[in-house]
Amino acid sequence: APRPPANLSRRAKAAIVVRLLLNEGADIPLEDLPEDLQA
């Protein structure tokens, strides 16, 4: 299995996963996250 680039941060990985899920029509309750994590 391919591995992500070593310089890719966990925040960047999270952004990629969220974007992918939103593109697939998933309803993600991001408003439940703490405000600093949402930012």
PDB file of all heavy atoms in Angstrom:
ATOM      1  N   ALA A   1       0.845  -1.202   0.000  1.00  0.00           N
ATOM      2  CA  ALA A   1       0.000   0.000   0.000  1.00  0.00           C
ATOM      3  C   ALA A   1       0.871   1.238   0.000  1.00  0.00           C
ATOM      4  O   ALA A   1       1.885   1.297   0.707  1.00  0.00           O
ATOM      5  CB  ALA A   1      -0.903  -0.008   1.228  1.00  0.00           C
ATOM      6  N   PRO A   2       0.517   2.235  -0.806  1.00  0.00           N
ATOM      7  CA  PRO A   2       1.318   3.456  -0.838  1.00  0.00           C
ATOM      8  C   PRO A   2       1.253   4.180   0.499  1.00  0.00           C
ATOM      9  O   PRO A   2       0.251   4.112   1.210  1.00  0.00           O
ATOM     10  CB  PRO A   2       0.662   4.271  -1.955  1.00  0.00           C
ATOM     11  CG  PRO A   2      -0.748   3.763  -2.024  1.00  0.00           C
ATOM     12  CD  PRO A   2      -0.653   2.306  -1.684  1.00  0.00           C
ATOM     13  N   ARG A   3       2.321   4.859   0.849  1.00  0.00           N
ATOM     14  CA  ARG A   3       2.364   5.629   2.085  1.00  0.00           C
ATOM     15  C   ARG A   3       2.311   7.109   1.749  1.00  0.00           C
ATOM     16  O   ARG A   3       2.854   7.551   0.726  1.00  0.00           O
ATOM     17  CB  ARG A   3       3.644   5.325   2.867  1.00  0.00           C
ATOM     18  CG  ARG A   3       3.913   3.834   3.124  1.00  0.00           C
ATOM     19  CD  ARG A   3       2.749   3.153   3.843  1.00  0.00           C
ATOM     20  NE  ARG A   3       2.472   3.763   5.127  1.00  0.00           N
ATOM     21  CZ  ARG A   3       1.459   3.423   5.911  1.00  0.00           C
ATOM     22  NH1 ARG A   3       0.588   2.489   5.507  1.00  0.00           N
ATOM     23  NH2 ARG A   3       1.272   4.006   7.073  1.00  0.00           N
ATOM     24  N   PRO A   4       1.681   7.916   2.587  1.00  0.00           N
ATOM     25  CA  PRO A   4       1.632   9.355   2.322  1.00  0.00           C
ATOM     26  C   PRO A   4       3.028   9.958   2.387  1.00  0.00           C
ATOM     27  O   PRO A   4       3.924   9.408   3.040  1.00  0.00           O
ATOM     28  CB  PRO A   4       0.753   9.886   3.455  1.00  0.00           C
ATOM     29  CG  PRO A   4       0.022   8.695   3.993  1.00  0.00           C
ATOM     30  CD  PRO A   4       0.935   7.536   3.788  1.00  0.00           C
ATOM     31  N   PRO A   5       3.235  11.082   1.727  1.00  0.00           N
ATOM     32  CA  PRO A   5       4.533  11.756   1.811  1.00  0.00           C
ATOM     33  C   PRO A   5       4.897  12.054   3.255  1.00  0.00           C
ATOM     34  O   PRO A   5       4.035  12.381   4.071  1.00  0.00           O
ATOM     35  CB  PRO A   5       4.309  13.047   1.004  1.00  0.00           C
ATOM     36  CG  PRO A   5       3.184  12.719   0.072  1.00  0.00           C
ATOM     37  CD  PRO A   5       2.315  11.754   0.808  1.00  0.00           C
ATOM     38  N   ALA A   6       6.186  11.942   3.558  1.00  0.00           N
ATOM     39  CA  ALA A   6       6.628  12.121   4.941  1.00  0.00           C
ATOM     40  C   ALA A   6       6.392  13.531   5.443  1.00  0.00           C
ATOM     41  O   ALA A   6       6.236  13.750   6.650  1.00  0.00           O
ATOM     42  CB  ALA A   6       8.112  11.751   5.054  1.00  0.00           C
ATOM     43  N   ASN A   7       6.368  14.513   4.533  1.00  0.00           N
ATOM     44  CA  ASN A   7       6.209  15.904   4.965  1.00  0.00           C
ATOM     45  C   ASN A   7       4.749  16.324   5.104  1.00  0.00           C
ATOM     46  O   ASN A   7       4.462  17.495   5.332  1.00  0.00           O
ATOM     47  CB  ASN A   7       6.922  16.836   3.979  1.00  0.00           C
ATOM     48  CG  ASN A   7       6.329  16.729   2.574  1.00  0.00           C
ATOM     49  OD1 ASN A   7       5.574  15.802   2.283  1.00  0.00           O
ATOM     50  ND2 ASN A   7       6.695  17.668   1.714  1.00  0.00           N
ATOM     51  N   LEU A   8       3.810  15.389   4.967  1.00  0.00           N
ATOM     52  CA  LEU A   8       2.390  15.716   5.067  1.00  0.00           C
ATOM     53  C   LEU A   8       1.964  15.641   6.529  1.00  0.00           C
ATOM     54  O   LEU A   8       2.057  14.586   7.168  1.00  0.00           O
ATOM     55  CB  LEU A   8       1.561  14.735   4.225  1.00  0.00           C
ATOM     56  CG  LEU A   8       0.159  15.177   3.815  1.00  0.00           C
ATOM     57  CD1 LEU A   8       0.216  16.438   2.969  1.00  0.00           C
ATOM     58  CD2 LEU A   8      -0.559  14.064   3.059  1.00  0.00           C
ATOM     59  N   SER A   9       1.514  16.756   7.097  1.00  0.00           N
ATOM     60  CA  SER A   9       1.127  16.809   8.511  1.00  0.00           C
ATOM     61  C   SER A   9      -0.207  16.101   8.740  1.00  0.00           C
ATOM     62  O   SER A   9      -0.979  15.847   7.807  1.00  0.00           O
ATOM     63  CB  SER A   9       1.027  18.263   8.978  1.00  0.00           C
ATOM     64  OG  SER A   9      -0.064  18.914   8.332  1.00  0.00           O
ATOM     65  N   ARG A  10      -0.499  15.806  10.014  1.00  0.00           N
ATOM     66  CA  ARG A  10      -1.761  15.160  10.351  1.00  0.00           C
ATOM     67  C   ARG A  10      -2.945  16.088  10.053  1.00  0.00           C
ATOM     68  O   ARG A  10      -4.019  15.626   9.679  1.00  0.00           O
ATOM     69  CB  ARG A  10      -1.778  14.757  11.826  1.00  0.00           C
ATOM     70  CG  ARG A  10      -0.787  13.634  12.149  1.00  0.00           C
ATOM     71  CD  ARG A  10      -0.917  13.194  13.605  1.00  0.00           C
ATOM     72  NE  ARG A  10      -2.235  12.636  13.898  1.00  0.00           N
ATOM     73  CZ  ARG A  10      -2.572  11.372  13.690  1.00  0.00           C
ATOM     74  NH1 ARG A  10      -1.691  10.526  13.159  1.00  0.00           N
ATOM     75  NH2 ARG A  10      -3.775  10.926  14.013  1.00  0.00           N
ATOM     76  N   ARG A  11      -2.745  17.382  10.221  1.00  0.00           N
ATOM     77  CA  ARG A  11      -3.823  18.325   9.897  1.00  0.00           C
ATOM     78  C   ARG A  11      -4.123  18.292   8.403  1.00  0.00           C
ATOM     79  O   ARG A  11      -5.284  18.338   7.994  1.00  0.00           O
ATOM     80  CB  ARG A  11      -3.439  19.727  10.339  1.00  0.00           C
ATOM     81  CG  ARG A  11      -3.390  19.915  11.861  1.00  0.00           C
ATOM     82  CD  ARG A  11      -3.024  21.336  12.222  1.00  0.00           C
ATOM     83  NE  ARG A  11      -2.924  21.500  13.664  1.00  0.00           N
ATOM     84  CZ  ARG A  11      -2.565  22.638  14.263  1.00  0.00           C
ATOM     85  NH1 ARG A  11      -2.254  23.701  13.520  1.00  0.00           N
ATOM     86  NH2 ARG A  11      -2.493  22.707  15.578  1.00  0.00           N
ATOM     87  N   ALA A  12      -3.070  18.220   7.595  1.00  0.00           N
ATOM     88  CA  ALA A  12      -3.274  18.162   6.148  1.00  0.00           C
ATOM     89  C   ALA A  12      -3.980  16.866   5.760  1.00  0.00           C
ATOM     90  O   ALA A  12      -4.871  16.858   4.902  1.00  0.00           O
ATOM     91  CB  ALA A  12      -1.936  18.280   5.432  1.00  0.00           C
ATOM     92  N   LYS A  13      -3.587  15.745   6.414  1.00  0.00           N
ATOM     93  CA  LYS A  13      -4.251  14.478   6.135  1.00  0.00           C
ATOM     94  C   LYS A  13      -5.733  14.555   6.522  1.00  0.00           C
ATOM     95  O   LYS A  13      -6.614  14.056   5.806  1.00  0.00           O
ATOM     96  CB  LYS A  13      -3.567  13.349   6.891  1.00  0.00           C
ATOM     97  CG  LYS A  13      -2.139  13.065   6.454  1.00  0.00           C
ATOM     98  CD  LYS A  13      -1.514  11.985   7.336  1.00  0.00           C
ATOM     99  CE  LYS A  13      -0.054  11.756   6.995  1.00  0.00           C
ATOM    100  NZ  LYS A  13       0.565  10.753   7.872  1.00  0.00           N
ATOM    101  N   ALA A  14      -6.011  15.182   7.668  1.00  0.00           N
ATOM    102  CA  ALA A  14      -7.401  15.319   8.102  1.00  0.00           C
ATOM    103  C   ALA A  14      -8.203  16.152   7.109  1.00  0.00           C
ATOM    104  O   ALA A  14      -9.355  15.840   6.784  1.00  0.00           O
ATOM    105  CB  ALA A  14      -7.451  15.953   9.483  1.00  0.00           C
ATOM    106  N   ALA A  15      -7.572  17.215   6.588  1.00  0.00           N
ATOM    107  CA  ALA A  15      -8.259  18.062   5.610  1.00  0.00           C
ATOM    108  C   ALA A  15      -8.577  17.268   4.341  1.00  0.00           C
ATOM    109  O   ALA A  15      -9.655  17.410   3.750  1.00  0.00           O
ATOM    110  CB  ALA A  15      -7.403  19.281   5.277  1.00  0.00           C
ATOM    111  N   ILE A  16      -7.646  16.414   3.912  1.00  0.00           N
ATOM    112  CA  ILE A  16      -7.859  15.602   2.706  1.00  0.00           C
ATOM    113  C   ILE A  16      -9.011  14.620   2.926  1.00  0.00           C
ATOM    114  O   ILE A  16      -9.896  14.459   2.077  1.00  0.00           O
ATOM    115  CB  ILE A  16      -6.568  14.849   2.326  1.00  0.00           C
ATOM    116  CG1 ILE A  16      -5.494  15.848   1.875  1.00  0.00           C
ATOM    117  CG2 ILE A  16      -6.834  13.824   1.236  1.00  0.00           C
ATOM    118  CD1 ILE A  16      -4.136  15.216   1.642  1.00  0.00           C
ATOM    119  N   VAL A  17      -9.026  13.961   4.087  1.00  0.00           N
ATOM    120  CA  VAL A  17     -10.076  12.983   4.371  1.00  0.00           C
ATOM    121  C   VAL A  17     -11.440  13.670   4.442  1.00  0.00           C
ATOM    122  O   VAL A  17     -12.438  13.184   3.887  1.00  0.00           O
ATOM    123  CB  VAL A  17      -9.770  12.234   5.687  1.00  0.00           C
ATOM    124  CG1 VAL A  17     -10.965  11.389   6.113  1.00  0.00           C
ATOM    125  CG2 VAL A  17      -8.541  11.363   5.532  1.00  0.00           C
ATOM    126  N   VAL A  18     -11.517  14.808   5.120  1.00  0.00           N
ATOM    127  CA  VAL A  18     -12.791  15.528   5.242  1.00  0.00           C
ATOM    128  C   VAL A  18     -13.290  15.956   3.879  1.00  0.00           C
ATOM    129  O   VAL A  18     -14.483  15.812   3.551  1.00  0.00           O
ATOM    130  CB  VAL A  18     -12.628  16.741   6.181  1.00  0.00           C
ATOM    131  CG1 VAL A  18     -13.853  17.648   6.105  1.00  0.00           C
ATOM    132  CG2 VAL A  18     -12.421  16.268   7.622  1.00  0.00           C
ATOM    133  N   ARG A  19     -12.381  16.490   3.052  1.00  0.00           N
ATOM    134  CA  ARG A  19     -12.781  16.925   1.711  1.00  0.00           C
ATOM    135  C   ARG A  19     -13.299  15.748   0.891  1.00  0.00           C
ATOM    136  O   ARG A  19     -14.298  15.859   0.169  1.00  0.00           O
ATOM    137  CB  ARG A  19     -11.588  17.576   1.003  1.00  0.00           C
ATOM    138  CG  ARG A  19     -11.880  18.037  -0.410  1.00  0.00           C
ATOM    139  CD  ARG A  19     -12.965  19.089  -0.444  1.00  0.00           C
ATOM    140  NE  ARG A  19     -13.182  19.586  -1.791  1.00  0.00           N
ATOM    141  CZ  ARG A  19     -14.092  20.497  -2.110  1.00  0.00           C
ATOM    142  NH1 ARG A  19     -14.871  20.985  -1.168  1.00  0.00           N
ATOM    143  NH2 ARG A  19     -14.228  20.894  -3.350  1.00  0.00           N
ATOM    144  N   LEU A  20     -12.614  14.607   1.002  1.00  0.00           N
ATOM    145  CA  LEU A  20     -13.035  13.422   0.269  1.00  0.00           C
ATOM    146  C   LEU A  20     -14.421  12.964   0.712  1.00  0.00           C
ATOM    147  O   LEU A  20     -15.284  12.652  -0.121  1.00  0.00           O
ATOM    148  CB  LEU A  20     -12.013  12.297   0.469  1.00  0.00           C
ATOM    149  CG  LEU A  20     -12.355  10.936  -0.158  1.00  0.00           C
ATOM    150  CD1 LEU A  20     -12.500  11.069  -1.667  1.00  0.00           C
ATOM    151  CD2 LEU A  20     -11.299   9.903   0.194  1.00  0.00           C
ATOM    152  N   LEU A  21     -14.656  12.935   2.024  1.00  0.00           N
ATOM    153  CA  LEU A  21     -15.955  12.518   2.549  1.00  0.00           C
ATOM    154  C   LEU A  21     -17.061  13.485   2.130  1.00  0.00           C
ATOM    155  O   LEU A  21     -18.176  13.067   1.802  1.00  0.00           O
ATOM    156  CB  LEU A  21     -15.894  12.408   4.073  1.00  0.00           C
ATOM    157  CG  LEU A  21     -15.005  11.282   4.628  1.00  0.00           C
ATOM    158  CD1 LEU A  21     -14.939  11.362   6.149  1.00  0.00           C
ATOM    159  CD2 LEU A  21     -15.539   9.925   4.196  1.00  0.00           C
ATOM    160  N   LEU A  22     -16.769  14.769   2.149  1.00  0.00           N
ATOM    161  CA  LEU A  22     -17.768  15.756   1.727  1.00  0.00           C
ATOM    162  C   LEU A  22     -18.100  15.591   0.247  1.00  0.00           C
ATOM    163  O   LEU A  22     -19.264  15.736  -0.166  1.00  0.00           O
ATOM    164  CB  LEU A  22     -17.264  17.174   2.002  1.00  0.00           C
ATOM    165  CG  LEU A  22     -17.137  17.578   3.478  1.00  0.00           C
ATOM    166  CD1 LEU A  22     -16.540  18.976   3.603  1.00  0.00           C
ATOM    167  CD2 LEU A  22     -18.513  17.535   4.149  1.00  0.00           C
ATOM    168  N   ASN A  23     -17.082  15.296  -0.579  1.00  0.00           N
ATOM    169  CA  ASN A  23     -17.326  15.069  -2.000  1.00  0.00           C
ATOM    170  C   ASN A  23     -18.233  13.864  -2.233  1.00  0.00           C
ATOM    171  O   ASN A  23     -18.997  13.811  -3.195  1.00  0.00           O
ATOM    172  CB  ASN A  23     -16.000  14.851  -2.728  1.00  0.00           C
ATOM    173  CG  ASN A  23     -15.307  16.160  -3.056  1.00  0.00           C
ATOM    174  OD1 ASN A  23     -15.794  17.224  -2.696  1.00  0.00           O
ATOM    175  ND2 ASN A  23     -14.155  16.083  -3.695  1.00  0.00           N
ATOM    176  N   GLU A  24     -18.119  12.865  -1.319  1.00  0.00           N
ATOM    177  CA  GLU A  24     -18.943  11.663  -1.444  1.00  0.00           C
ATOM    178  C   GLU A  24     -20.333  11.855  -0.852  1.00  0.00           C
ATOM    179  O   GLU A  24     -21.141  10.936  -0.821  1.00  0.00           O
ATOM    180  CB  GLU A  24     -18.248  10.487  -0.746  1.00  0.00           C
ATOM    181  CG  GLU A  24     -16.924  10.079  -1.370  1.00  0.00           C
ATOM    182  CD  GLU A  24     -17.101   9.578  -2.790  1.00  0.00           C
ATOM    183  OE1 GLU A  24     -18.162   8.966  -3.074  1.00  0.00           O
ATOM    184  OE2 GLU A  24     -16.202   9.799  -3.626  1.00  0.00           O
ATOM    185  N   GLY A  25     -20.624  13.066  -0.344  1.00  0.00           N
ATOM    186  CA  GLY A  25     -21.960  13.361   0.184  1.00  0.00           C
ATOM    187  C   GLY A  25     -22.164  13.002   1.643  1.00  0.00           C
ATOM    188  O   GLY A  25     -23.303  12.979   2.121  1.00  0.00           O
ATOM    189  N   ALA A  26     -21.075  12.719   2.372  1.00  0.00           N
ATOM    190  CA  ALA A  26     -21.208  12.355   3.787  1.00  0.00           C
ATOM    191  C   ALA A  26     -21.589  13.587   4.613  1.00  0.00           C
ATOM    192  O   ALA A  26     -21.148  14.706   4.332  1.00  0.00           O
ATOM    193  CB  ALA A  26     -19.907  11.757   4.305  1.00  0.00           C
ATOM    194  N   ASP A  27     -22.428  13.362   5.627  1.00  0.00           N
ATOM    195  CA  ASP A  27     -22.837  14.431   6.532  1.00  0.00           C
ATOM    196  C   ASP A  27     -21.959  14.356   7.780  1.00  0.00           C
ATOM    197  O   ASP A  27     -22.175  13.532   8.661  1.00  0.00           O
ATOM    198  CB  ASP A  27     -24.311  14.282   6.903  1.00  0.00           C
ATOM    199  CG  ASP A  27     -24.814  15.430   7.778  1.00  0.00           C
ATOM    200  OD1 ASP A  27     -24.092  16.447   7.872  1.00  0.00           O
ATOM    201  OD2 ASP A  27     -25.889  15.294   8.384  1.00  0.00           O
ATOM    202  N   ILE A  28     -20.945  15.219   7.855  1.00  0.00           N
ATOM    203  CA  ILE A  28     -19.982  15.180   8.954  1.00  0.00           C
ATOM    204  C   ILE A  28     -20.322  16.288   9.955  1.00  0.00           C
ATOM    205  O   ILE A  28     -20.324  17.467   9.590  1.00  0.00           O
ATOM    206  CB  ILE A  28     -18.540  15.377   8.433  1.00  0.00           C
ATOM    207  CG1 ILE A  28     -18.273  14.436   7.257  1.00  0.00           C
ATOM    208  CG2 ILE A  28     -17.538  15.151   9.541  1.00  0.00           C
ATOM    209  CD1 ILE A  28     -16.924  14.673   6.606  1.00  0.00           C
ATOM    210  N   PRO A  29     -20.601  15.946  11.211  1.00  0.00           N
ATOM    211  CA  PRO A  29     -20.952  16.974  12.215  1.00  0.00           C
ATOM    212  C   PRO A  29     -19.719  17.716  12.718  1.00  0.00           C
ATOM    213  O   PRO A  29     -19.327  17.607  13.880  1.00  0.00           O
ATOM    214  CB  PRO A  29     -21.616  16.149  13.325  1.00  0.00           C
ATOM    215  CG  PRO A  29     -20.971  14.811  13.235  1.00  0.00           C
ATOM    216  CD  PRO A  29     -20.684  14.581  11.781  1.00  0.00           C
ATOM    217  N   LEU A  30     -19.095  18.485  11.841  1.00  0.00           N
ATOM    218  CA  LEU A  30     -17.884  19.204  12.225  1.00  0.00           C
ATOM    219  C   LEU A  30     -18.169  20.248  13.296  1.00  0.00           C
ATOM    220  O   LEU A  30     -17.261  20.640  14.041  1.00  0.00           O
ATOM    221  CB  LEU A  30     -17.271  19.880  10.995  1.00  0.00           C
ATOM    222  CG  LEU A  30     -16.791  18.934   9.879  1.00  0.00           C
ATOM    223  CD1 LEU A  30     -16.284  19.747   8.698  1.00  0.00           C
ATOM    224  CD2 LEU A  30     -15.703  18.010  10.398  1.00  0.00           C
ATOM    225  N   GLU A  31     -19.421  20.710  13.396  1.00  0.00           N
ATOM    226  CA  GLU A  31     -19.744  21.724  14.399  1.00  0.00           C
ATOM    227  C   GLU A  31     -19.597  21.201  15.818  1.00  0.00           C
ATOM    228  O   GLU A  31     -19.528  21.983  16.780  1.00  0.00           O
ATOM    229  CB  GLU A  31     -21.166  22.251  14.187  1.00  0.00           C
ATOM    230  CG  GLU A  31     -22.283  21.241  14.441  1.00  0.00           C
ATOM    231  CD  GLU A  31     -22.589  20.395  13.234  1.00  0.00           C
ATOM    232  OE1 GLU A  31     -21.849  20.509  12.237  1.00  0.00           O
ATOM    233  OE2 GLU A  31     -23.558  19.632  13.282  1.00  0.00           O
ATOM    234  N   ASP A  32     -19.546  19.869  15.979  1.00  0.00           N
ATOM    235  CA  ASP A  32     -19.369  19.292  17.310  1.00  0.00           C
ATOM    236  C   ASP A  32     -17.919  19.347  17.784  1.00  0.00           C
ATOM    237  O   ASP A  32     -17.650  19.125  18.969  1.00  0.00           O
ATOM    238  CB  ASP A  32     -19.849  17.831  17.332  1.00  0.00           C
ATOM    239  CG  ASP A  32     -21.350  17.707  17.120  1.00  0.00           C
ATOM    240  OD1 ASP A  32     -22.047  18.726  17.331  1.00  0.00           O
ATOM    241  OD2 ASP A  32     -21.823  16.612  16.762  1.00  0.00           O
ATOM    242  N   LEU A  33     -16.990  19.618  16.866  1.00  0.00           N
ATOM    243  CA  LEU A  33     -15.586  19.723  17.248  1.00  0.00           C
ATOM    244  C   LEU A  33     -15.340  21.015  18.020  1.00  0.00           C
ATOM    245  O   LEU A  33     -16.063  22.002  17.837  1.00  0.00           O
ATOM    246  CB  LEU A  33     -14.692  19.708  16.004  1.00  0.00           C
ATOM    247  CG  LEU A  33     -14.626  18.413  15.189  1.00  0.00           C
ATOM    248  CD1 LEU A  33     -13.816  18.657  13.915  1.00  0.00           C
ATOM    249  CD2 LEU A  33     -13.999  17.299  16.012  1.00  0.00           C
ATOM    250  N   PRO A  34     -14.316  21.056  18.876  1.00  0.00           N
ATOM    251  CA  PRO A  34     -13.939  22.328  19.510  1.00  0.00           C
ATOM    252  C   PRO A  34     -13.625  23.382  18.457  1.00  0.00           C
ATOM    253  O   PRO A  34     -13.172  23.067  17.348  1.00  0.00           O
ATOM    254  CB  PRO A  34     -12.693  21.953  20.333  1.00  0.00           C
ATOM    255  CG  PRO A  34     -12.820  20.474  20.570  1.00  0.00           C
ATOM    256  CD  PRO A  34     -13.502  19.928  19.342  1.00  0.00           C
ATOM    257  N   GLU A  35     -13.861  24.635  18.796  1.00  0.00           N
ATOM    258  CA  GLU A  35     -13.700  25.707  17.818  1.00  0.00           C
ATOM    259  C   GLU A  35     -12.266  25.791  17.286  1.00  0.00           C
ATOM    260  O   GLU A  35     -12.053  26.085  16.101  1.00  0.00           O
ATOM    261  CB  GLU A  35     -14.112  27.043  18.434  1.00  0.00           C
ATOM    262  CG  GLU A  35     -15.616  27.181  18.657  1.00  0.00           C
ATOM    263  CD  GLU A  35     -16.001  28.599  19.027  1.00  0.00           C
ATOM    264  OE1 GLU A  35     -15.124  29.483  18.985  1.00  0.00           O
ATOM    265  OE2 GLU A  35     -17.178  28.812  19.351  1.00  0.00           O
ATOM    266  N   ASP A  36     -11.260  25.529  18.157  1.00  0.00           N
ATOM    267  CA  ASP A  36      -9.884  25.620  17.675  1.00  0.00           C
ATOM    268  C   ASP A  36      -9.581  24.546  16.636  1.00  0.00           C
ATOM    269  O   ASP A  36      -8.853  24.788  15.659  1.00  0.00           O
ATOM    270  CB  ASP A  36      -8.904  25.525  18.838  1.00  0.00           C
ATOM    271  CG  ASP A  36      -9.094  24.260  19.665  1.00  0.00           C
ATOM    272  OD1 ASP A  36     -10.193  23.682  19.598  1.00  0.00           O
ATOM    273  OD2 ASP A  36      -8.153  23.861  20.374  1.00  0.00           O
ATOM    274  N   LEU A  37     -10.158  23.334  16.805  1.00  0.00           N
ATOM    275  CA  LEU A  37      -9.956  22.289  15.808  1.00  0.00           C
ATOM    276  C   LEU A  37     -10.675  22.618  14.509  1.00  0.00           C
ATOM    277  O   LEU A  37     -10.165  22.326  13.415  1.00  0.00           O
ATOM    278  CB  LEU A  37     -10.437  20.948  16.357  1.00  0.00           C
ATOM    279  CG  LEU A  37      -9.627  20.356  17.516  1.00  0.00           C
ATOM    280  CD1 LEU A  37     -10.174  18.988  17.906  1.00  0.00           C
ATOM    281  CD2 LEU A  37      -8.153  20.242  17.130  1.00  0.00           C
ATOM    282  N   GLN A  38     -11.881  23.203  14.607  1.00  0.00           N
ATOM    283  CA  GLN A  38     -12.583  23.621  13.396  1.00  0.00           C
ATOM    284  C   GLN A  38     -11.757  24.653  12.628  1.00  0.00           C
ATOM    285  O   GLN A  38     -11.658  24.598  11.391  1.00  0.00           O
ATOM    286  CB  GLN A  38     -13.954  24.211  13.755  1.00  0.00           C
ATOM    287  CG  GLN A  38     -14.932  23.221  14.375  1.00  0.00           C
ATOM    288  CD  GLN A  38     -16.297  23.854  14.612  1.00  0.00           C
ATOM    289  OE1 GLN A  38     -16.840  24.534  13.746  1.00  0.00           O
ATOM    290  NE2 GLN A  38     -16.847  23.634  15.799  1.00  0.00           N
ATOM    291  N   ALA A  39     -11.156  25.575  13.373  1.00  0.00           N
ATOM    292  CA  ALA A  39     -10.337  26.608  12.725  1.00  0.00           C
ATOM    293  C   ALA A  39      -9.094  25.996  12.078  1.00  0.00           C
ATOM    294  O   ALA A  39      -8.735  26.336  10.938  1.00  0.00           O
ATOM    295  CB  ALA A  39      -9.937  27.666  13.749  1.00  0.00           C
TER     296      ALA A  39
END
